[in-house]
Amino acid sequence: MEGERKYITADDLKQHCKPGDLWISIQGKVYDVSNWVKKHPGGDGLLLSLAGQDVTDAFTAYHPGTAWQYLDEFFTGYYLKDFSVSEVSRDYRRLVSEFAKSGLFEKKGHVAFCSLFSVFLMFLIVVYGVLKCQSVWAHLGSAMVLGMLWMQSAYVGHDSGHYQVMKSPGYNKAAQLLAGNCLTGISIAWWKWTHNQHHIACNSLDHDPDLQHIPMFAVSSHLFNSITSYFYGRRLNFDSLARFLISYQHWTFYPVMCVARVNLFLQTFLLLFNPKRRIPDRALNIIGLTVFWTWFPLLVSFLPNWEQRIMFVLTSFAVTSIQHVQFCLNHFSADVYIGPPEGNDWFEKQTSGTLDISCSSWMDWFFGGLQFQLEHHLFPRLPRCQLRKVSPLVRDLCKKHNLPYRSLSFLEANQWTIRTLRTAALEARDLTNPLPKNLLWEAVNTHG
């Protein structure tokens, strides 16, 4: 009969989950995104991770209402026969709808302007301190200010990567390249590649790149099984070197964070100069990096001797370690799991995989809004100035559905993280038993 709906089951949908054959479901309608995956602004990893599933919550979180009108061109003509919506998802979507109606996604305040102005002011202070001052203490202070500049600039790059902080896409891209590539030396293309995947597969040991730090760190003994990273496409080998380094990771964590920026520089170069990967705006990203690697070495060269130059670089890196530590605090001691993300438990996975950092409102600038990590993961398009306002609503929703809402002080979060690292370290030291002793306990109590 003409106009009669055609249906497929969830099991049928799961068969379309390979490159060249990618189907997804949104609100029970099935779409073929096999060709769109190459053009997807968020990268191909997100669609590959969620292919063959209903992804309504993830789509709702990442796309404005105007994006729904473009779905029809991908419609297969099929509907999901056994489509259903959980109570958690229903409440989550209601919150998103309420935020949209009240204009919260558009009320960005003056955060971007104030942040960029503070970055510009700090840059002037750093240049003045290096060029006009002779005191070693002035140079040390300049290095510390530069570290703060990099932290605040990274927050601007993060915000502009998630939503439009400027009035137009062109200005927004300019903010990304300026704040990321030109000022920090870290490519916004690399950030988008890894960060979007982190959001989608939050705390999946084999799909979330933010937990894949072998051989330096391991947050779970499951990593001792040399699992395969589906993000990087390689095995995370737990060999003798990894065992040794991880055995002392609770002692090396903070020292490594002090120089972690070097790894970000390296990862940026490895991505941008990899001819096998499709990189949006590759040339612009490389030009931005050229700007950074021109002004930063030149500035350092104006210091009077090599001792002060080394001191300047290491101090600036050490200050930014506060930010690197913060990113780890948000996830290292939260729950982890193995396997791809699932579209039907978006809210549950975000609550289990994140920790908030509690602080006074006057410290919001320091943490860049990311102390509200759960709120940010649930509503990634929400401007940071709105995260504190919606926090009580998220807390109530977690309480209603008996889901964790963990908000710790900065000190408590550090203690939890070190405890997690120490637990894995002690297990790694057991040379006679390469598999973790408490694997069953982890499976039942931590991983679900």
Foldseek 3Di string as FASTA:
>chain_A
DPPDAAADELVVQQVQQDQQRFWEAAPFFIFTCNPVQVVDPLHNLLSNLATSAHQHLVCLQQDDPVVVVPRVVGTPRYGHPPDDADPLRVVLVVVSVVCVVVPQLPCQDCLLVVLVVLLVVLVVQLLCLLQPDQDLVSLLVNLLSLLLSLVSLVLQLLLLLRAPPDDDVVVSVVSNLCSALQRQVFFSQLCSLQVSQCLQFPQACQRHPVQQDPLQFHLDLVLLVQDHRPSVGGTRHCDPSSLVNLLCNLVCVLVCLLVVSVVSNVSRVVVLPDPVDDTPPSVSSVVSNVNNVVPPVVSLVSHDDPVSSVSSVSSSSSSNSVLVVVVCLFFSLFFHAHDRGHSNCSLQSLLRGTAAADDDPVCCSVNSLCSLVSQCSSNVSRHSVCSVVCVVVSVVSCVVVVGDHHYYHPVVSSVSNSVSSNVSSVQSPPPVDSRGPCPVVCVVPGHD
